[in-house]
């Protein structure tokens, strides 16, 4: 789930305008993009990359799906059939039945899904796969803080605040704002806990669902400190706020409930995005003192 320099990335829909823009930046950042998929333009070259009709025609590990919602299931089938180990699904409003089918196919294939409606993955100094500004040194730079976020914009803001404070990121994982994500906060924290470059984790959550509560159960046992910011503190019950999953639909889906369960698990909570770096520094200092003792 954490993008490495060994990952070969294949881009579905690479010849589209947005896909071409972001793919060119991925290449410039060092991402190992091996080609693109577009059956209508197979055999051509785009951005200096071969364009193929199917993922079966080229070796890769990471499938980046830059395709419309209605085309996502077909692209995922092709990618998984070609041996993809990780699907990064950018599209929002993928039909629910298609999402559930993709998750089932991925489980059967032993592959991981990130998304739908994700901004992607970033490993500063290595590369990125998605639509995050990994090329902007004011937002991303190599460091020891892993950031996990539903929201790409909030995740970008948190990363900006970390860099402003002199901290950098070991990895960014955008789990996406879909109501049924392929990867939740817990799985992302598990990846950061196992990552040797990560010394602390930041969880950027929001109202709605139970992903933060599931993460809290794992955060309690982590050896690395976790800091969180939860968006939607003033949102009224029943009001959808941004993402499809960001709607208070039960007693445990509101801000207060999420904050309480995370705090009970030992997670430090920032009241604003700008308050995250200071809490990360405190957590890192206490973690270092604990190691020395």
C-alpha atoms as a PDB file:
ATOM      1  CA  UNK A   1       0.000   0.000   0.000  1.00  0.00           C
ATOM      2  CA  UNK A   2       2.981   2.328   0.480  1.00  0.00           C
ATOM      3  CA  UNK A   3       4.380   3.177  -2.938  1.00  0.00           C
ATOM      4  CA  UNK A   4       8.004   2.112  -3.406  1.00  0.00           C
ATOM      5  CA  UNK A   5      10.630   2.685  -6.075  1.00  0.00           C
ATOM      6  CA  UNK A   6      10.174  -0.937  -7.171  1.00  0.00           C
ATOM      7  CA  UNK A   7       6.477  -0.594  -7.957  1.00  0.00           C
ATOM      8  CA  UNK A   8       5.677  -0.558 -11.665  1.00  0.00           C
ATOM      9  CA  UNK A   9       2.605   1.590 -12.312  1.00  0.00           C
ATOM     10  CA  UNK A  10       0.254   1.125 -15.273  1.00  0.00           C
ATOM     11  CA  UNK A  11      -2.266   3.898 -15.972  1.00  0.00           C
ATOM     12  CA  UNK A  12      -5.709   3.084 -17.354  1.00  0.00           C
ATOM     13  CA  UNK A  13      -7.014   6.017 -19.433  1.00  0.00           C
ATOM     14  CA  UNK A  14      -3.538   7.527 -19.768  1.00  0.00           C
ATOM     15  CA  UNK A  15      -4.356   9.398 -22.997  1.00  0.00           C
ATOM     16  CA  UNK A  16      -7.007  11.588 -21.341  1.00  0.00           C
ATOM     17  CA  UNK A  17      -6.165  15.216 -20.599  1.00  0.00           C
ATOM     18  CA  UNK A  18      -6.199  14.954 -16.793  1.00  0.00           C
ATOM     19  CA  UNK A  19      -4.529  11.557 -16.815  1.00  0.00           C
ATOM     20  CA  UNK A  20      -1.809  12.887 -19.092  1.00  0.00           C
ATOM     21  CA  UNK A  21      -1.233  15.916 -16.863  1.00  0.00           C
ATOM     22  CA  UNK A  22      -0.865  13.878 -13.683  1.00  0.00           C
ATOM     23  CA  UNK A  23       1.070  11.047 -15.321  1.00  0.00           C
ATOM     24  CA  UNK A  24       3.666  13.500 -16.610  1.00  0.00           C
ATOM     25  CA  UNK A  25       4.126  14.797 -13.055  1.00  0.00           C
ATOM     26  CA  UNK A  26       4.315  11.247 -11.707  1.00  0.00           C
ATOM     27  CA  UNK A  27       7.139  10.479 -14.124  1.00  0.00           C
ATOM     28  CA  UNK A  28       8.955  13.711 -13.219  1.00  0.00           C
ATOM     29  CA  UNK A  29       8.703  12.798  -9.517  1.00  0.00           C
ATOM     30  CA  UNK A  30      10.342   9.443 -10.130  1.00  0.00           C
ATOM     31  CA  UNK A  31       7.326   7.143 -10.268  1.00  0.00           C
ATOM     32  CA  UNK A  32       8.079   4.038 -12.297  1.00  0.00           C
ATOM     33  CA  UNK A  33       5.260   4.389 -14.836  1.00  0.00           C
ATOM     34  CA  UNK A  34       5.604   1.594 -17.391  1.00  0.00           C
ATOM     35  CA  UNK A  35       2.772   2.469 -19.750  1.00  0.00           C
ATOM     36  CA  UNK A  36      -0.910   3.163 -20.217  1.00  0.00           C
ATOM     37  CA  UNK A  37      -4.051   1.325 -21.245  1.00  0.00           C
ATOM     38  CA  UNK A  38      -6.498   2.520 -23.909  1.00  0.00           C
ATOM     39  CA  UNK A  39      -7.879  -0.141 -26.281  1.00  0.00           C
ATOM     40  CA  UNK A  40      -8.812   2.529 -28.840  1.00  0.00           C
ATOM     41  CA  UNK A  41      -5.201   3.720 -29.104  1.00  0.00           C
ATOM     42  CA  UNK A  42      -3.264   0.508 -28.530  1.00  0.00           C
ATOM     43  CA  UNK A  43       0.078   0.478 -30.283  1.00  0.00           C
ATOM     44  CA  UNK A  44       0.601   4.214 -29.958  1.00  0.00           C
ATOM     45  CA  UNK A  45       3.010   6.065 -27.686  1.00  0.00           C
ATOM     46  CA  UNK A  46       1.938   8.752 -25.206  1.00  0.00           C
ATOM     47  CA  UNK A  47       4.251  10.762 -22.949  1.00  0.00           C
ATOM     48  CA  UNK A  48       6.991   8.472 -24.166  1.00  0.00           C
ATOM     49  CA  UNK A  49       5.094   5.470 -22.813  1.00  0.00           C
ATOM     50  CA  UNK A  50       3.662   2.502 -24.702  1.00  0.00           C
ATOM     51  CA  UNK A  51      -0.133   2.423 -24.915  1.00  0.00           C
ATOM     52  CA  UNK A  52      -1.597  -1.091 -24.799  1.00  0.00           C
ATOM     53  CA  UNK A  53      -5.070  -2.505 -25.183  1.00  0.00           C
ATOM     54  CA  UNK A  54      -5.000  -4.550 -21.974  1.00  0.00           C
ATOM     55  CA  UNK A  55      -2.994  -4.830 -18.802  1.00  0.00           C
ATOM     56  CA  UNK A  56      -2.123  -8.376 -19.827  1.00  0.00           C
ATOM     57  CA  UNK A  57       0.312  -6.956 -22.389  1.00  0.00           C
ATOM     58  CA  UNK A  58       2.774  -5.414 -19.928  1.00  0.00           C
ATOM     59  CA  UNK A  59       4.211  -6.219 -16.514  1.00  0.00           C
ATOM     60  CA  UNK A  60       3.147  -4.079 -13.543  1.00  0.00           C
ATOM     61  CA  UNK A  61       2.109  -4.209  -9.886  1.00  0.00           C
ATOM     62  CA  UNK A  62       0.066  -1.021  -9.372  1.00  0.00           C
ATOM     63  CA  UNK A  63      -3.005  -0.245 -11.499  1.00  0.00           C
ATOM     64  CA  UNK A  64      -3.962   3.440 -11.468  1.00  0.00           C
ATOM     65  CA  UNK A  65      -7.500   3.808 -12.833  1.00  0.00           C
ATOM     66  CA  UNK A  66      -7.989   7.192 -14.491  1.00  0.00           C
ATOM     67  CA  UNK A  67     -11.323   6.198 -16.017  1.00  0.00           C
ATOM     68  CA  UNK A  68     -14.956   7.372 -15.582  1.00  0.00           C
ATOM     69  CA  UNK A  69     -17.204   5.717 -12.977  1.00  0.00           C
ATOM     70  CA  UNK A  70     -19.082   3.609 -15.527  1.00  0.00           C
ATOM     71  CA  UNK A  71     -15.809   2.233 -16.932  1.00  0.00           C
ATOM     72  CA  UNK A  72     -14.193   1.467 -13.578  1.00  0.00           C
ATOM     73  CA  UNK A  73     -15.441  -2.099 -13.175  1.00  0.00           C
ATOM     74  CA  UNK A  74     -14.218  -3.152 -16.626  1.00  0.00           C
ATOM     75  CA  UNK A  75     -10.816  -1.544 -16.005  1.00  0.00           C
ATOM     76  CA  UNK A  76     -10.550  -3.240 -12.609  1.00  0.00           C
ATOM     77  CA  UNK A  77     -11.421  -6.611 -14.128  1.00  0.00           C
ATOM     78  CA  UNK A  78      -8.689  -6.144 -16.715  1.00  0.00           C
ATOM     79  CA  UNK A  79      -6.138  -5.041 -14.107  1.00  0.00           C
ATOM     80  CA  UNK A  80      -6.882  -7.875 -11.694  1.00  0.00           C
ATOM     81  CA  UNK A  81      -6.922 -10.391 -14.523  1.00  0.00           C
ATOM     82  CA  UNK A  82      -3.469  -9.142 -15.496  1.00  0.00           C
ATOM     83  CA  UNK A  83      -2.109  -9.715 -11.994  1.00  0.00           C
ATOM     84  CA  UNK A  84      -2.400  -6.286 -10.339  1.00  0.00           C
ATOM     85  CA  UNK A  85      -1.366  -6.355  -6.682  1.00  0.00           C
ATOM     86  CA  UNK A  86      -2.786  -2.904  -5.926  1.00  0.00           C
ATOM     87  CA  UNK A  87      -5.701  -1.006  -7.496  1.00  0.00           C
ATOM     88  CA  UNK A  88      -5.835   2.768  -7.019  1.00  0.00           C
ATOM     89  CA  UNK A  89      -9.326   3.921  -8.038  1.00  0.00           C
ATOM     90  CA  UNK A  90      -9.661   7.675  -8.480  1.00  0.00           C
ATOM     91  CA  UNK A  91     -13.238   7.955  -9.758  1.00  0.00           C
ATOM     92  CA  UNK A  92     -16.060   9.206  -7.561  1.00  0.00           C
ATOM     93  CA  UNK A  93     -19.650   7.944  -7.883  1.00  0.00           C
ATOM     94  CA  UNK A  94     -18.692   4.447  -9.000  1.00  0.00           C
ATOM     95  CA  UNK A  95     -21.970   2.451  -8.794  1.00  0.00           C
ATOM     96  CA  UNK A  96     -22.217   0.655  -5.451  1.00  0.00           C
ATOM     97  CA  UNK A  97     -22.791  -2.742  -7.036  1.00  0.00           C
ATOM     98  CA  UNK A  98     -19.658  -2.246  -9.149  1.00  0.00           C
ATOM     99  CA  UNK A  99     -17.651  -1.277  -6.056  1.00  0.00           C
ATOM    100  CA  UNK A 100     -18.755  -4.395  -4.205  1.00  0.00           C
ATOM    101  CA  UNK A 101     -17.911  -6.525  -7.241  1.00  0.00           C
ATOM    102  CA  UNK A 102     -14.432  -4.985  -7.455  1.00  0.00           C
ATOM    103  CA  UNK A 103     -13.804  -5.672  -3.763  1.00  0.00           C
ATOM    104  CA  UNK A 104     -14.873  -9.305  -4.201  1.00  0.00           C
ATOM    105  CA  UNK A 105     -12.671  -9.757  -7.272  1.00  0.00           C
ATOM    106  CA  UNK A 106      -9.712  -8.192  -5.478  1.00  0.00           C
ATOM    107  CA  UNK A 107     -10.111 -10.450  -2.443  1.00  0.00           C
ATOM    108  CA  UNK A 108     -10.233 -13.456  -4.739  1.00  0.00           C
ATOM    109  CA  UNK A 109      -7.059 -12.286  -6.479  1.00  0.00           C
ATOM    110  CA  UNK A 110      -5.257 -11.392  -3.243  1.00  0.00           C
ATOM    111  CA  UNK A 111      -4.976  -7.739  -4.302  1.00  0.00           C
ATOM    112  CA  UNK A 112      -5.427  -4.518  -2.323  1.00  0.00           C
ATOM    113  CA  UNK A 113      -7.870  -1.762  -3.377  1.00  0.00           C
ATOM    114  CA  UNK A 114      -7.373   1.913  -2.471  1.00  0.00           C
ATOM    115  CA  UNK A 115     -10.489   3.969  -3.213  1.00  0.00           C
ATOM    116  CA  UNK A 116     -12.798   4.625  -4.936  1.00  0.00           C
ATOM    117  CA  UNK A 117     -12.729   8.420  -4.741  1.00  0.00           C
ATOM    118  CA  UNK A 118      -9.134   8.473  -3.561  1.00  0.00           C
ATOM    119  CA  UNK A 119      -6.555  11.160  -4.236  1.00  0.00           C
ATOM    120  CA  UNK A 120      -3.927   8.434  -4.368  1.00  0.00           C
ATOM    121  CA  UNK A 121      -0.633   7.532  -2.761  1.00  0.00           C
ATOM    122  CA  UNK A 122       2.529   9.575  -2.209  1.00  0.00           C
ATOM    123  CA  UNK A 123       5.955   8.565  -0.986  1.00  0.00           C
ATOM    124  CA  UNK A 124       8.013  11.786  -0.940  1.00  0.00           C
ATOM    125  CA  UNK A 125      11.356  11.357  -2.643  1.00  0.00           C
ATOM    126  CA  UNK A 126      10.121   8.216  -4.419  1.00  0.00           C
ATOM    127  CA  UNK A 127       7.007   9.099  -6.398  1.00  0.00           C
ATOM    128  CA  UNK A 128       3.228   9.151  -6.356  1.00  0.00           C
ATOM    129  CA  UNK A 129       0.216   7.563  -7.984  1.00  0.00           C
ATOM    130  CA  UNK A 130      -2.854   9.769  -8.191  1.00  0.00           C
ATOM    131  CA  UNK A 131      -3.766  13.446  -8.091  1.00  0.00           C
ATOM    132  CA  UNK A 132      -1.791  14.766  -5.123  1.00  0.00           C
ATOM    133  CA  UNK A 133       0.736  17.635  -5.557  1.00  0.00           C
ATOM    134  CA  UNK A 134       3.735  15.481  -4.711  1.00  0.00           C
ATOM    135  CA  UNK A 135       5.880  17.698  -6.956  1.00  0.00           C
ATOM    136  CA  UNK A 136       5.338  20.706  -4.662  1.00  0.00           C
ATOM    137  CA  UNK A 137       8.139  20.835  -2.086  1.00  0.00           C
ATOM    138  CA  UNK A 138       6.088  23.160   0.126  1.00  0.00           C
ATOM    139  CA  UNK A 139       3.568  20.348   0.583  1.00  0.00           C
ATOM    140  CA  UNK A 140       5.582  17.139   0.410  1.00  0.00           C
ATOM    141  CA  UNK A 141       9.115  16.354   1.469  1.00  0.00           C
ATOM    142  CA  UNK A 142      10.755  13.186   2.808  1.00  0.00           C
ATOM    143  CA  UNK A 143      10.324  12.702   6.530  1.00  0.00           C
ATOM    144  CA  UNK A 144       9.073  10.345   9.229  1.00  0.00           C
ATOM    145  CA  UNK A 145       5.355  11.138   9.532  1.00  0.00           C
ATOM    146  CA  UNK A 146       2.831   8.919   7.782  1.00  0.00           C
ATOM    147  CA  UNK A 147      -0.429  10.659   6.836  1.00  0.00           C
ATOM    148  CA  UNK A 148      -3.713   8.827   6.206  1.00  0.00           C
ATOM    149  CA  UNK A 149      -6.729  10.764   4.970  1.00  0.00           C
ATOM    150  CA  UNK A 150     -10.192  10.300   3.526  1.00  0.00           C
ATOM    151  CA  UNK A 151      -9.965  13.727   1.897  1.00  0.00           C
ATOM    152  CA  UNK A 152      -7.343  14.715  -0.650  1.00  0.00           C
ATOM    153  CA  UNK A 153      -7.739  18.437   0.075  1.00  0.00           C
ATOM    154  CA  UNK A 154      -7.588  18.038   3.853  1.00  0.00           C
ATOM    155  CA  UNK A 155      -4.703  15.617   3.479  1.00  0.00           C
ATOM    156  CA  UNK A 156      -2.867  18.187   1.362  1.00  0.00           C
ATOM    157  CA  UNK A 157      -3.468  20.861   4.005  1.00  0.00           C
ATOM    158  CA  UNK A 158      -2.150  18.647   6.796  1.00  0.00           C
ATOM    159  CA  UNK A 159       0.939  17.800   4.747  1.00  0.00           C
ATOM    160  CA  UNK A 160       1.480  21.519   4.065  1.00  0.00           C
ATOM    161  CA  UNK A 161       1.265  22.263   7.797  1.00  0.00           C
ATOM    162  CA  UNK A 162       3.771  19.513   8.564  1.00  0.00           C
ATOM    163  CA  UNK A 163       6.299  20.879   6.065  1.00  0.00           C
ATOM    164  CA  UNK A 164       5.794  24.434   7.343  1.00  0.00           C
ATOM    165  CA  UNK A 165       6.680  23.138  10.801  1.00  0.00           C
ATOM    166  CA  UNK A 166       9.883  21.525   9.532  1.00  0.00           C
ATOM    167  CA  UNK A 167       8.498  18.000   9.417  1.00  0.00           C
ATOM    168  CA  UNK A 168       8.187  15.716   6.409  1.00  0.00           C
ATOM    169  CA  UNK A 169       6.207  12.655   5.410  1.00  0.00           C
ATOM    170  CA  UNK A 170       7.225   9.027   5.106  1.00  0.00           C
ATOM    171  CA  UNK A 171       4.049   8.284   3.133  1.00  0.00           C
ATOM    172  CA  UNK A 172       0.614   9.630   2.289  1.00  0.00           C
ATOM    173  CA  UNK A 173      -2.275   7.176   1.915  1.00  0.00           C
ATOM    174  CA  UNK A 174      -5.568   8.546   0.619  1.00  0.00           C
ATOM    175  CA  UNK A 175      -8.204   5.976   1.546  1.00  0.00           C
ATOM    176  CA  UNK A 176     -10.901   7.934  -0.304  1.00  0.00           C
ATOM    177  CA  UNK A 177     -14.323   9.275   0.572  1.00  0.00           C
ATOM    178  CA  UNK A 178     -16.422   6.431  -0.813  1.00  0.00           C
ATOM    179  CA  UNK A 179     -19.012   4.913   1.567  1.00  0.00           C
ATOM    180  CA  UNK A 180     -17.439   1.481   0.939  1.00  0.00           C
ATOM    181  CA  UNK A 181     -13.666   2.007   0.653  1.00  0.00           C
ATOM    182  CA  UNK A 182     -11.365  -0.833  -0.285  1.00  0.00           C
ATOM    183  CA  UNK A 183      -8.894   0.232   2.400  1.00  0.00           C
ATOM    184  CA  UNK A 184      -9.862   1.748   5.727  1.00  0.00           C
ATOM    185  CA  UNK A 185      -7.949   3.697   8.340  1.00  0.00           C
ATOM    186  CA  UNK A 186      -7.094   0.538  10.260  1.00  0.00           C
ATOM    187  CA  UNK A 187      -5.414  -1.145   7.284  1.00  0.00           C
ATOM    188  CA  UNK A 188      -3.531   2.060   6.501  1.00  0.00           C
ATOM    189  CA  UNK A 189      -2.292   2.350  10.081  1.00  0.00           C
ATOM    190  CA  UNK A 190      -1.185  -1.271   9.934  1.00  0.00           C
ATOM    191  CA  UNK A 191       0.932  -0.417   6.900  1.00  0.00           C
ATOM    192  CA  UNK A 192       2.487   2.597   8.659  1.00  0.00           C
ATOM    193  CA  UNK A 193       3.148   0.575  11.819  1.00  0.00           C
ATOM    194  CA  UNK A 194       5.129  -1.907   9.700  1.00  0.00           C
ATOM    195  CA  UNK A 195       6.963   0.787   7.724  1.00  0.00           C
ATOM    196  CA  UNK A 196      10.507   1.331   9.066  1.00  0.00           C
ATOM    197  CA  UNK A 197      10.625   4.946   7.813  1.00  0.00           C
ATOM    198  CA  UNK A 198       7.517   5.984   9.743  1.00  0.00           C
ATOM    199  CA  UNK A 199       7.937   7.211  13.328  1.00  0.00           C
ATOM    200  CA  UNK A 200       4.483   8.738  13.830  1.00  0.00           C
ATOM    201  CA  UNK A 201       1.116   8.664  12.074  1.00  0.00           C
ATOM    202  CA  UNK A 202      -1.480  11.343  11.398  1.00  0.00           C
ATOM    203  CA  UNK A 203      -5.086  10.286  10.804  1.00  0.00           C
ATOM    204  CA  UNK A 204      -7.265  12.825   8.978  1.00  0.00           C
ATOM    205  CA  UNK A 205     -10.847  11.727   9.528  1.00  0.00           C
ATOM    206  CA  UNK A 206     -14.314  13.198   9.212  1.00  0.00           C
ATOM    207  CA  UNK A 207     -17.836  12.623  10.430  1.00  0.00           C
ATOM    208  CA  UNK A 208     -19.822   9.647   9.178  1.00  0.00           C
ATOM    209  CA  UNK A 209     -19.240   5.905   9.226  1.00  0.00           C
ATOM    210  CA  UNK A 210     -17.136   3.918  11.660  1.00  0.00           C
ATOM    211  CA  UNK A 211     -13.671   3.916  10.056  1.00  0.00           C
ATOM    212  CA  UNK A 212     -12.139   6.028  12.818  1.00  0.00           C
ATOM    213  CA  UNK A 213     -13.546   3.729  15.501  1.00  0.00           C
ATOM    214  CA  UNK A 214     -12.076   0.700  13.748  1.00  0.00           C
ATOM    215  CA  UNK A 215      -8.728   2.495  13.557  1.00  0.00           C
ATOM    216  CA  UNK A 216      -8.827   3.299  17.267  1.00  0.00           C
ATOM    217  CA  UNK A 217      -8.889  -0.378  18.167  1.00  0.00           C
ATOM    218  CA  UNK A 218      -5.587  -0.854  16.342  1.00  0.00           C
ATOM    219  CA  UNK A 219      -4.042   2.494  17.345  1.00  0.00           C
ATOM    220  CA  UNK A 220      -4.276   1.472  20.992  1.00  0.00           C
ATOM    221  CA  UNK A 221      -1.728  -1.292  20.381  1.00  0.00           C
ATOM    222  CA  UNK A 222       0.583   0.601  18.015  1.00  0.00           C
ATOM    223  CA  UNK A 223       4.223   1.181  18.942  1.00  0.00           C
ATOM    224  CA  UNK A 224       4.165   4.481  17.046  1.00  0.00           C
ATOM    225  CA  UNK A 225       2.212   7.546  18.243  1.00  0.00           C
ATOM    226  CA  UNK A 226      -0.914   8.653  16.385  1.00  0.00           C
ATOM    227  CA  UNK A 227      -2.278  12.181  16.034  1.00  0.00           C
ATOM    228  CA  UNK A 228      -5.676  12.881  14.472  1.00  0.00           C
ATOM    229  CA  UNK A 229      -7.765  15.718  13.106  1.00  0.00           C
ATOM    230  CA  UNK A 230     -11.487  15.060  12.608  1.00  0.00           C
ATOM    231  CA  UNK A 231     -13.366  17.360  10.247  1.00  0.00           C
ATOM    232  CA  UNK A 232     -17.044  18.186  10.751  1.00  0.00           C
ATOM    233  CA  UNK A 233     -17.184  19.261  14.392  1.00  0.00           C
ATOM    234  CA  UNK A 234     -20.060  21.676  13.737  1.00  0.00           C
ATOM    235  CA  UNK A 235     -21.961  19.602  11.171  1.00  0.00           C
ATOM    236  CA  UNK A 236     -25.661  19.054  11.978  1.00  0.00           C
ATOM    237  CA  UNK A 237     -26.973  15.456  12.135  1.00  0.00           C
ATOM    238  CA  UNK A 238     -28.254  14.113   8.828  1.00  0.00           C
ATOM    239  CA  UNK A 239     -26.379  16.670   6.740  1.00  0.00           C
ATOM    240  CA  UNK A 240     -23.996  15.341   4.108  1.00  0.00           C
ATOM    241  CA  UNK A 241     -20.679  17.166   4.249  1.00  0.00           C
ATOM    242  CA  UNK A 242     -18.559  16.706   1.133  1.00  0.00           C
ATOM    243  CA  UNK A 243     -17.868  12.998   0.742  1.00  0.00           C
ATOM    244  CA  UNK A 244     -20.626  10.455   0.313  1.00  0.00           C
ATOM    245  CA  UNK A 245     -19.456   8.776   3.505  1.00  0.00           C
ATOM    246  CA  UNK A 246     -19.420  12.001   5.523  1.00  0.00           C
ATOM    247  CA  UNK A 247     -22.952  11.934   6.902  1.00  0.00           C
ATOM    248  CA  UNK A 248     -23.973  11.452  10.513  1.00  0.00           C
ATOM    249  CA  UNK A 249     -26.248   8.435  10.460  1.00  0.00           C
ATOM    250  CA  UNK A 250     -25.984   7.181  14.040  1.00  0.00           C
ATOM    251  CA  UNK A 251     -24.800   8.030  17.537  1.00  0.00           C
ATOM    252  CA  UNK A 252     -21.274   6.844  16.821  1.00  0.00           C
ATOM    253  CA  UNK A 253     -20.843   8.704  13.521  1.00  0.00           C
ATOM    254  CA  UNK A 254     -20.650  12.233  14.931  1.00  0.00           C
ATOM    255  CA  UNK A 255     -17.599  14.275  15.826  1.00  0.00           C
ATOM    256  CA  UNK A 256     -17.821  13.905  19.615  1.00  0.00           C
ATOM    257  CA  UNK A 257     -18.155  10.129  19.470  1.00  0.00           C
ATOM    258  CA  UNK A 258     -15.223   9.731  17.101  1.00  0.00           C
ATOM    259  CA  UNK A 259     -13.027  12.040  19.140  1.00  0.00           C
ATOM    260  CA  UNK A 260     -13.867  10.232  22.363  1.00  0.00           C
ATOM    261  CA  UNK A 261     -13.080   6.756  21.053  1.00  0.00           C
ATOM    262  CA  UNK A 262      -9.785   7.903  19.550  1.00  0.00           C
ATOM    263  CA  UNK A 263      -8.736   9.700  22.733  1.00  0.00           C
ATOM    264  CA  UNK A 264      -9.510   6.598  24.788  1.00  0.00           C
ATOM    265  CA  UNK A 265      -7.125   4.725  22.493  1.00  0.00           C
ATOM    266  CA  UNK A 266      -4.345   7.200  23.281  1.00  0.00           C
ATOM    267  CA  UNK A 267      -4.627   9.200  20.053  1.00  0.00           C
ATOM    268  CA  UNK A 268      -3.878  12.917  20.420  1.00  0.00           C
ATOM    269  CA  UNK A 269      -6.573  15.079  18.747  1.00  0.00           C
ATOM    270  CA  UNK A 270      -5.885  18.446  17.110  1.00  0.00           C
ATOM    271  CA  UNK A 271      -8.722  20.974  17.103  1.00  0.00           C
ATOM    272  CA  UNK A 272      -7.530  22.497  13.825  1.00  0.00           C
ATOM    273  CA  UNK A 273      -5.266  21.334  10.970  1.00  0.00           C
ATOM    274  CA  UNK A 274      -2.686  23.886  12.085  1.00  0.00           C
ATOM    275  CA  UNK A 275      -2.504  22.222  15.478  1.00  0.00           C
ATOM    276  CA  UNK A 276      -1.361  18.867  14.098  1.00  0.00           C
ATOM    277  CA  UNK A 277       2.413  19.540  13.827  1.00  0.00           C
ATOM    278  CA  UNK A 278       2.801  20.601  17.466  1.00  0.00           C
ATOM    279  CA  UNK A 279       1.082  17.439  18.665  1.00  0.00           C
ATOM    280  CA  UNK A 280       3.259  15.353  16.333  1.00  0.00           C
ATOM    281  CA  UNK A 281       6.404  16.944  17.801  1.00  0.00           C
ATOM    282  CA  UNK A 282       5.220  16.227  21.345  1.00  0.00           C
ATOM    283  CA  UNK A 283       4.413  12.635  20.395  1.00  0.00           C
ATOM    284  CA  UNK A 284       7.782  12.116  18.737  1.00  0.00           C
ATOM    285  CA  UNK A 285       9.628  13.595  21.709  1.00  0.00           C
ATOM    286  CA  UNK A 286       7.800  11.363  24.189  1.00  0.00           C
ATOM    287  CA  UNK A 287       8.335   8.371  21.937  1.00  0.00           C
ATOM    288  CA  UNK A 288      12.066   9.058  21.810  1.00  0.00           C
ATOM    289  CA  UNK A 289      12.236   9.492  25.588  1.00  0.00           C
ATOM    290  CA  UNK A 290      10.422   6.178  25.991  1.00  0.00           C
ATOM    291  CA  UNK A 291      12.920   4.444  23.707  1.00  0.00           C
ATOM    292  CA  UNK A 292      15.855   5.850  25.680  1.00  0.00           C
ATOM    293  CA  UNK A 293      14.396   4.712  28.974  1.00  0.00           C
END
